[in-house]
Amino acid sequence: MVESFAGRFCRVEPRRAAAGFVTGLLADLQIKTCWQLAEQAGHGRPDAMQRLLYRAKWDADGVRDDVRKVVADRLGDPDGVLVVDETGDLKKGMHTVGVQRQYT
């Protein structure tokens, strides 16, 4: 699937980081932070993933459109219906300031 939006990245480094990032998001990982995604991609540190999210230049709207097209082409059906579910993630901590339900 990454091939479908690879052209939205100006440089090869963020393109590779994006491929690892998406692969990590789709992996069966219990926790999906930059550290875990980087480890899944074979990196010892999360620097490449963090750079992708904070400093790399890429066309986020174009990637969104490309991913939407891939999903529609592979899963779409003329009679299909998309159901969007707002899912809350309950945080159970008692000692951290601001712990509350986070919506994903």
Protein backbone atom coordinates (compact mmCIF):
# COMPACT_ATOMS: atom_id res chain seq x y z
CA MET A 1 0.00 0.00 0.00
CA VAL A 2 2.90 2.39 0.67
CA GLU A 3 3.70 2.48 -3.05
CA SER A 4 0.39 4.25 -3.62
CA PHE A 5 1.50 7.36 -1.69
CA ALA A 6 5.31 7.14 -1.91
CA GLY A 7 5.40 10.02 -4.41
CA ARG A 8 3.99 12.40 -1.77
CA PHE A 9 7.38 12.50 -0.01
CA CYS A 10 10.17 14.75 -1.30
CA ARG A 11 12.97 12.58 0.06
CA VAL A 12 13.61 8.86 0.37
CA GLU A 13 14.27 8.97 4.15
CA PRO A 14 10.77 10.12 5.15
CA ARG A 15 9.31 7.76 2.55
CA ARG A 16 11.08 4.82 4.23
CA ALA A 17 10.08 6.05 7.68
CA ALA A 18 6.45 6.30 6.52
CA ALA A 19 6.58 2.72 5.23
CA GLY A 20 7.92 1.54 8.61
CA PHE A 21 5.40 3.68 10.46
CA VAL A 22 2.41 2.26 8.54
CA THR A 23 3.74 -1.28 8.87
CA GLY A 24 4.07 -0.75 12.62
CA LEU A 25 0.56 0.66 12.90
CA LEU A 26 -0.80 -2.42 11.14
CA ALA A 27 1.33 -4.81 13.23
CA ASP A 28 0.02 -6.70 16.24
CA LEU A 29 1.67 -4.43 18.80
CA GLN A 30 0.03 -3.80 22.14
CA ILE A 31 1.41 -0.25 22.41
CA LYS A 32 2.08 1.89 19.34
CA THR A 33 4.36 4.78 20.26
CA CYS A 34 7.23 6.03 18.11
CA TRP A 35 9.59 3.82 20.14
CA GLN A 36 7.59 0.66 19.46
CA LEU A 37 7.02 1.54 15.80
CA ALA A 38 10.74 2.24 15.36
CA GLU A 39 11.68 -1.07 16.98
CA GLN A 40 9.18 -2.88 14.74
CA ALA A 41 10.88 -1.23 11.73
CA GLY A 42 14.31 -2.38 12.94
CA HIS A 43 15.53 0.96 14.30
CA GLY A 44 17.27 1.29 17.66
CA ARG A 45 15.82 4.75 18.30
CA PRO A 46 12.60 6.56 17.36
CA ASP A 47 14.37 9.47 15.64
CA ALA A 48 13.24 8.63 12.09
CA MET A 49 9.61 8.22 13.16
CA GLN A 50 9.66 11.44 15.17
CA ARG A 51 11.30 13.34 12.30
CA LEU A 52 8.59 12.04 9.98
CA LEU A 53 5.85 13.39 12.25
CA TYR A 54 7.42 16.70 13.24
CA ARG A 55 9.85 17.96 10.60
CA ALA A 56 9.66 16.03 7.34
CA LYS A 57 8.05 17.72 4.35
CA TRP A 58 5.28 15.66 2.82
CA ASP A 59 1.82 16.16 1.40
CA ALA A 60 -0.47 14.97 4.22
CA ASP A 61 -3.66 15.81 2.28
CA GLY A 62 -2.36 13.93 -0.74
CA VAL A 63 -1.48 10.89 1.38
CA ARG A 64 -4.97 10.97 2.90
CA ASP A 65 -6.52 11.07 -0.58
CA ASP A 66 -4.27 8.25 -1.84
CA VAL A 67 -5.08 6.04 1.17
CA ARG A 68 -8.80 6.74 0.74
CA LYS A 69 -8.55 5.66 -2.91
CA VAL A 70 -6.68 2.44 -2.04
CA VAL A 71 -9.26 1.54 0.62
CA ALA A 72 -12.18 2.33 -1.69
CA ASP A 73 -10.64 0.35 -4.57
CA ARG A 74 -9.87 -2.71 -2.41
CA LEU A 75 -12.81 -2.75 -0.04
CA GLY A 76 -15.41 -0.59 -1.72
CA ASP A 77 -18.73 -1.83 -2.94
CA PRO A 78 -21.35 0.29 -4.73
CA ASP A 79 -23.92 -0.81 -2.13
CA GLY A 80 -21.49 -0.53 0.80
CA VAL A 81 -21.90 1.69 3.83
CA LEU A 82 -19.11 3.22 5.88
CA VAL A 83 -19.74 3.28 9.62
CA VAL A 84 -17.49 5.57 11.65
CA ASP A 85 -17.31 4.72 15.33
CA GLU A 86 -15.90 7.24 17.77
CA THR A 87 -14.00 5.00 20.13
CA GLY A 88 -12.84 6.17 23.54
CA ASP A 89 -9.73 4.79 25.18
CA LEU A 90 -10.20 4.69 28.94
CA LYS A 91 -7.08 5.71 30.86
CA LYS A 92 -6.83 4.00 34.23
CA GLY A 93 -4.10 5.99 35.96
CA MET A 94 -4.73 7.81 39.21
CA HIS A 95 -1.37 9.56 39.64
CA THR A 96 -0.94 11.38 36.35
CA VAL A 97 -2.32 14.88 35.94
CA GLY A 98 -5.02 15.13 33.32
CA VAL A 99 -5.71 11.41 32.95
CA GLN A 100 -9.07 11.03 31.32
CA ARG A 101 -10.78 9.23 28.47
CA GLN A 102 -8.96 9.81 25.18
CA TYR A 103 -10.88 9.55 21.95
CA THR A 104 -9.26 7.90 18.95
